[in-house]
């Protein structure tokens, strides 16, 4: 919820990444993970994929909160500011933030 960017090393330390390697070793690391995956049961891998696909299909039928509560957010001054601050690698100008939206769970 902090919407911060982290280095590869930080992501690894936080448990958000399995490994961090220099770019020149990336292909070798991908091969290493593929070999680990291939050691798993084909049936279990197939069931995991089926489960993931079914959950994804289920979630597609649920309108996302942005569509339900802030339909025009993507065109808002706040959204534009956040995109630009990310691209320009600068702090966000929070004065552009929109007010909270009303939901049935507030």
N, C-alpha and C. Protein backbone atom coordinates (compact mmCIF):
# COMPACT_ATOMS: atom_id res chain seq x y z
N UNK A 1 0.82 -1.20 0.00
CA UNK A 1 0.00 0.00 0.00
C UNK A 1 0.86 1.26 0.00
N UNK A 2 2.16 1.09 0.11
CA UNK A 2 3.05 2.25 0.10
C UNK A 2 3.34 2.75 -1.30
N UNK A 3 3.03 1.97 -2.31
CA UNK A 3 3.29 2.29 -3.71
C UNK A 3 4.71 2.78 -3.94
N UNK A 4 5.65 2.14 -3.31
CA UNK A 4 7.05 2.49 -3.49
C UNK A 4 7.70 1.51 -4.46
N UNK A 5 8.75 1.97 -5.12
CA UNK A 5 9.54 1.10 -5.98
C UNK A 5 10.72 0.58 -5.17
N UNK A 6 11.06 -0.68 -5.39
CA UNK A 6 12.15 -1.30 -4.67
C UNK A 6 13.18 -1.83 -5.65
N UNK A 7 14.41 -1.86 -5.22
CA UNK A 7 15.46 -2.47 -6.04
C UNK A 7 15.26 -3.98 -6.02
N UNK A 8 15.93 -4.66 -6.94
CA UNK A 8 15.87 -6.11 -6.96
C UNK A 8 16.33 -6.71 -5.65
N UNK A 9 17.38 -6.17 -5.09
CA UNK A 9 17.91 -6.68 -3.82
C UNK A 9 16.89 -6.50 -2.70
N UNK A 10 16.24 -5.33 -2.65
CA UNK A 10 15.22 -5.10 -1.63
C UNK A 10 14.04 -6.06 -1.80
N UNK A 11 13.61 -6.25 -3.04
CA UNK A 11 12.50 -7.17 -3.31
C UNK A 11 12.85 -8.58 -2.83
N UNK A 12 14.10 -8.98 -3.05
CA UNK A 12 14.54 -10.30 -2.59
C UNK A 12 14.52 -10.37 -1.06
N UNK A 13 15.04 -9.33 -0.42
CA UNK A 13 15.09 -9.30 1.05
C UNK A 13 13.69 -9.30 1.66
N UNK A 14 12.73 -8.68 0.98
CA UNK A 14 11.35 -8.63 1.47
C UNK A 14 10.58 -9.90 1.15
N UNK A 15 11.18 -10.79 0.38
CA UNK A 15 10.50 -12.02 -0.01
C UNK A 15 9.58 -11.84 -1.21
N UNK A 16 9.75 -10.76 -1.96
CA UNK A 16 8.91 -10.50 -3.13
C UNK A 16 9.50 -11.10 -4.40
N UNK A 17 10.76 -11.50 -4.35
CA UNK A 17 11.44 -12.10 -5.50
C UNK A 17 12.19 -13.34 -5.02
N UNK A 18 12.24 -14.35 -5.85
CA UNK A 18 12.95 -15.58 -5.49
C UNK A 18 14.45 -15.45 -5.60
N UNK A 19 14.92 -14.65 -6.53
CA UNK A 19 16.36 -14.46 -6.70
C UNK A 19 16.62 -13.17 -7.46
N UNK A 20 17.86 -12.71 -7.36
CA UNK A 20 18.29 -11.50 -8.07
C UNK A 20 19.62 -11.82 -8.71
N UNK A 21 19.71 -11.64 -10.02
CA UNK A 21 20.95 -11.93 -10.73
C UNK A 21 21.26 -10.80 -11.70
N UNK A 22 22.54 -10.65 -12.05
CA UNK A 22 22.89 -9.65 -13.08
C UNK A 22 22.24 -10.04 -14.41
N UNK A 23 22.00 -9.07 -15.25
CA UNK A 23 21.33 -9.29 -16.54
C UNK A 23 22.00 -10.40 -17.35
N UNK A 24 23.32 -10.44 -17.33
CA UNK A 24 24.02 -11.45 -18.14
C UNK A 24 23.79 -12.88 -17.64
N UNK A 25 23.27 -13.04 -16.42
CA UNK A 25 22.97 -14.37 -15.89
C UNK A 25 21.48 -14.69 -15.88
N UNK A 26 20.67 -13.80 -16.43
CA UNK A 26 19.22 -13.98 -16.39
C UNK A 26 18.78 -15.25 -17.11
N UNK A 27 19.27 -15.49 -18.30
CA UNK A 27 18.88 -16.68 -19.05
C UNK A 27 19.24 -17.95 -18.29
N UNK A 28 20.41 -17.97 -17.70
CA UNK A 28 20.85 -19.12 -16.91
C UNK A 28 19.93 -19.34 -15.70
N UNK A 29 19.51 -18.24 -15.07
CA UNK A 29 18.62 -18.35 -13.91
C UNK A 29 17.23 -18.84 -14.31
N UNK A 30 16.75 -18.38 -15.46
CA UNK A 30 15.46 -18.86 -15.96
C UNK A 30 15.53 -20.36 -16.22
N UNK A 31 16.63 -20.80 -16.84
CA UNK A 31 16.81 -22.24 -17.09
C UNK A 31 16.82 -23.02 -15.78
N UNK A 32 17.45 -22.45 -14.76
CA UNK A 32 17.51 -23.12 -13.45
C UNK A 32 16.11 -23.29 -12.87
N UNK A 33 15.28 -22.23 -12.95
CA UNK A 33 13.92 -22.33 -12.42
C UNK A 33 13.07 -23.28 -13.25
N UNK A 34 13.27 -23.30 -14.56
CA UNK A 34 12.52 -24.25 -15.41
C UNK A 34 12.85 -25.68 -15.02
N UNK A 35 14.13 -25.94 -14.74
CA UNK A 35 14.52 -27.29 -14.32
C UNK A 35 13.86 -27.65 -13.00
N UNK A 36 13.77 -26.70 -12.08
CA UNK A 36 13.10 -26.98 -10.80
C UNK A 36 11.62 -27.29 -11.01
N UNK A 37 10.98 -26.52 -11.88
CA UNK A 37 9.56 -26.72 -12.14
C UNK A 37 9.33 -28.07 -12.79
N UNK A 38 10.22 -28.46 -13.71
CA UNK A 38 10.06 -29.74 -14.40
C UNK A 38 10.20 -30.93 -13.45
N UNK A 39 10.77 -30.73 -12.28
CA UNK A 39 10.88 -31.81 -11.30
C UNK A 39 9.58 -32.04 -10.54
N UNK A 40 8.63 -31.13 -10.67
CA UNK A 40 7.35 -31.28 -9.98
C UNK A 40 6.46 -32.25 -10.75
N UNK A 41 5.46 -32.74 -10.06
CA UNK A 41 4.49 -33.65 -10.66
C UNK A 41 3.74 -32.96 -11.79
N UNK A 42 3.71 -33.58 -12.98
CA UNK A 42 2.94 -32.99 -14.09
C UNK A 42 1.47 -32.80 -13.74
N UNK A 43 0.91 -33.72 -12.97
CA UNK A 43 -0.51 -33.62 -12.59
C UNK A 43 -0.72 -32.40 -11.69
N UNK A 44 0.16 -32.22 -10.72
CA UNK A 44 0.03 -31.07 -9.82
C UNK A 44 0.19 -29.77 -10.60
N UNK A 45 1.16 -29.71 -11.51
CA UNK A 45 1.34 -28.50 -12.33
C UNK A 45 0.10 -28.23 -13.17
N UNK A 46 -0.47 -29.29 -13.74
CA UNK A 46 -1.67 -29.12 -14.55
C UNK A 46 -2.84 -28.61 -13.69
N UNK A 47 -3.00 -29.17 -12.49
CA UNK A 47 -4.08 -28.72 -11.61
C UNK A 47 -3.87 -27.27 -11.16
N UNK A 48 -2.62 -26.89 -10.92
CA UNK A 48 -2.35 -25.50 -10.56
C UNK A 48 -2.73 -24.57 -11.70
N UNK A 49 -2.38 -24.96 -12.92
CA UNK A 49 -2.71 -24.13 -14.07
C UNK A 49 -4.22 -24.04 -14.28
N UNK A 50 -4.91 -25.18 -14.14
CA UNK A 50 -6.38 -25.18 -14.27
C UNK A 50 -7.00 -24.27 -13.22
N UNK A 51 -6.54 -24.38 -11.98
CA UNK A 51 -7.06 -23.55 -10.89
C UNK A 51 -6.83 -22.07 -11.18
N UNK A 52 -5.61 -21.74 -11.60
CA UNK A 52 -5.29 -20.33 -11.91
C UNK A 52 -6.21 -19.82 -13.02
N UNK A 53 -6.36 -20.61 -14.08
CA UNK A 53 -7.21 -20.18 -15.20
C UNK A 53 -8.67 -20.04 -14.78
N UNK A 54 -9.17 -20.96 -13.98
CA UNK A 54 -10.56 -20.86 -13.53
C UNK A 54 -10.78 -19.64 -12.65
N UNK A 55 -9.84 -19.37 -11.75
CA UNK A 55 -9.96 -18.19 -10.88
C UNK A 55 -9.89 -16.91 -11.70
N UNK A 56 -9.02 -16.90 -12.70
CA UNK A 56 -8.90 -15.72 -13.56
C UNK A 56 -10.20 -15.49 -14.32
N UNK A 57 -10.78 -16.56 -14.87
CA UNK A 57 -12.04 -16.44 -15.59
C UNK A 57 -13.15 -15.97 -14.66
N UNK A 58 -13.18 -16.50 -13.43
CA UNK A 58 -14.18 -16.08 -12.45
C UNK A 58 -14.04 -14.59 -12.14
N UNK A 59 -12.79 -14.15 -11.95
CA UNK A 59 -12.55 -12.75 -11.59
C UNK A 59 -12.92 -11.80 -12.74
N UNK A 60 -12.84 -12.27 -13.97
CA UNK A 60 -13.20 -11.43 -15.12
C UNK A 60 -14.66 -11.03 -15.09
N UNK A 61 -15.50 -11.86 -14.46
CA UNK A 61 -16.93 -11.58 -14.40
C UNK A 61 -17.30 -10.58 -13.31
N UNK A 62 -16.37 -10.25 -12.45
CA UNK A 62 -16.63 -9.32 -11.35
C UNK A 62 -16.14 -7.93 -11.76
N UNK A 63 -17.03 -6.95 -11.80
CA UNK A 63 -16.58 -5.60 -12.15
C UNK A 63 -15.53 -5.12 -11.15
N UNK A 64 -14.47 -4.52 -11.67
CA UNK A 64 -13.42 -4.07 -10.75
C UNK A 64 -13.87 -2.82 -9.99
N UNK A 65 -13.29 -2.56 -8.84
CA UNK A 65 -13.71 -1.43 -8.02
C UNK A 65 -13.60 -0.08 -8.73
N UNK A 66 -12.61 0.07 -9.58
CA UNK A 66 -12.48 1.35 -10.31
C UNK A 66 -13.71 1.57 -11.18
N UNK A 67 -14.14 0.54 -11.89
CA UNK A 67 -15.34 0.69 -12.72
C UNK A 67 -16.58 0.95 -11.90
N UNK A 68 -16.67 0.35 -10.70
CA UNK A 68 -17.86 0.52 -9.87
C UNK A 68 -17.90 1.85 -9.13
N UNK A 69 -16.75 2.32 -8.66
CA UNK A 69 -16.77 3.48 -7.76
C UNK A 69 -16.08 4.74 -8.28
N UNK A 70 -15.21 4.60 -9.25
CA UNK A 70 -14.49 5.78 -9.76
C UNK A 70 -14.29 5.63 -11.26
N UNK A 71 -15.39 5.62 -11.99
CA UNK A 71 -15.37 5.32 -13.43
C UNK A 71 -14.42 6.20 -14.23
N UNK A 72 -14.27 7.42 -13.83
CA UNK A 72 -13.46 8.34 -14.63
C UNK A 72 -12.07 8.57 -14.02
N UNK A 73 -11.68 7.70 -13.10
CA UNK A 73 -10.38 7.88 -12.44
C UNK A 73 -9.23 7.95 -13.43
N UNK A 74 -9.22 7.07 -14.40
CA UNK A 74 -8.10 7.00 -15.33
C UNK A 74 -7.86 8.31 -16.06
N UNK A 75 -8.90 9.12 -16.19
CA UNK A 75 -8.78 10.41 -16.87
C UNK A 75 -8.61 11.56 -15.88
N UNK A 76 -8.53 11.26 -14.60
CA UNK A 76 -8.47 12.31 -13.58
C UNK A 76 -7.09 12.95 -13.50
N UNK A 77 -7.07 14.11 -12.89
CA UNK A 77 -5.82 14.82 -12.65
C UNK A 77 -4.89 13.99 -11.74
N UNK A 78 -5.46 13.28 -10.78
CA UNK A 78 -4.66 12.44 -9.89
C UNK A 78 -3.97 11.31 -10.67
N UNK A 79 -4.73 10.63 -11.52
CA UNK A 79 -4.15 9.53 -12.29
C UNK A 79 -3.04 10.03 -13.20
N UNK A 80 -3.25 11.16 -13.82
CA UNK A 80 -2.21 11.75 -14.70
C UNK A 80 -0.97 12.11 -13.90
N UNK A 81 -1.16 12.70 -12.75
CA UNK A 81 -0.03 13.07 -11.89
C UNK A 81 0.77 11.83 -11.48
N UNK A 82 0.06 10.77 -11.13
CA UNK A 82 0.75 9.55 -10.70
C UNK A 82 1.50 8.90 -11.85
N UNK A 83 0.93 8.91 -13.05
CA UNK A 83 1.65 8.37 -14.20
C UNK A 83 2.92 9.19 -14.47
N UNK A 84 2.77 10.51 -14.49
CA UNK A 84 3.92 11.37 -14.78
C UNK A 84 5.00 11.27 -13.71
N UNK A 85 4.61 11.23 -12.45
CA UNK A 85 5.61 11.14 -11.39
C UNK A 85 6.38 9.84 -11.49
N UNK A 86 5.71 8.76 -11.90
CA UNK A 86 6.39 7.48 -12.09
C UNK A 86 7.40 7.59 -13.24
N UNK A 87 6.96 8.12 -14.35
CA UNK A 87 7.83 8.25 -15.53
C UNK A 87 9.00 9.18 -15.24
N UNK A 88 8.71 10.29 -14.55
CA UNK A 88 9.74 11.29 -14.26
C UNK A 88 10.55 10.96 -13.01
N UNK A 89 10.20 9.86 -12.34
CA UNK A 89 10.92 9.42 -11.14
C UNK A 89 11.03 10.54 -10.10
N UNK A 90 9.87 11.08 -9.78
CA UNK A 90 9.81 12.16 -8.79
C UNK A 90 8.69 11.89 -7.82
N UNK A 91 8.71 12.56 -6.67
CA UNK A 91 7.62 12.37 -5.70
C UNK A 91 6.27 12.79 -6.30
N UNK A 92 5.22 12.19 -5.80
CA UNK A 92 3.86 12.50 -6.24
C UNK A 92 3.40 13.78 -5.59
N UNK A 93 2.75 14.64 -6.38
CA UNK A 93 2.12 15.84 -5.84
C UNK A 93 0.75 15.43 -5.31
N UNK A 94 0.66 15.23 -4.00
CA UNK A 94 -0.58 14.72 -3.40
C UNK A 94 -1.72 15.74 -3.42
N UNK A 95 -1.44 16.99 -3.78
CA UNK A 95 -2.52 17.97 -3.87
C UNK A 95 -3.47 17.62 -5.02
N UNK A 96 -3.05 16.73 -5.90
CA UNK A 96 -3.89 16.30 -7.02
C UNK A 96 -4.79 15.12 -6.66
N UNK A 97 -4.65 14.58 -5.44
CA UNK A 97 -5.46 13.43 -5.02
C UNK A 97 -6.95 13.76 -5.03
N UNK A 98 -7.72 12.76 -5.43
CA UNK A 98 -9.19 12.91 -5.44
C UNK A 98 -9.70 12.62 -4.03
N UNK A 99 -10.91 13.06 -3.71
CA UNK A 99 -11.50 12.69 -2.42
C UNK A 99 -11.86 11.22 -2.43
N UNK A 100 -12.05 10.64 -1.26
CA UNK A 100 -12.47 9.25 -1.15
C UNK A 100 -13.80 9.04 -1.84
N UNK A 101 -14.00 7.84 -2.35
CA UNK A 101 -15.28 7.51 -2.98
C UNK A 101 -16.17 6.82 -1.97
N UNK A 102 -17.46 7.00 -2.14
CA UNK A 102 -18.43 6.36 -1.26
C UNK A 102 -18.68 4.94 -1.74
N UNK A 103 -18.58 3.99 -0.83
CA UNK A 103 -18.89 2.60 -1.14
C UNK A 103 -19.85 2.08 -0.09
N UNK A 104 -20.41 0.92 -0.35
CA UNK A 104 -21.31 0.34 0.65
C UNK A 104 -20.55 -0.29 1.80
N UNK A 105 -19.21 -0.31 1.72
CA UNK A 105 -18.39 -0.90 2.78
C UNK A 105 -17.71 0.14 3.65
N UNK A 106 -17.96 1.42 3.42
CA UNK A 106 -17.34 2.49 4.25
C UNK A 106 -18.07 2.64 5.55
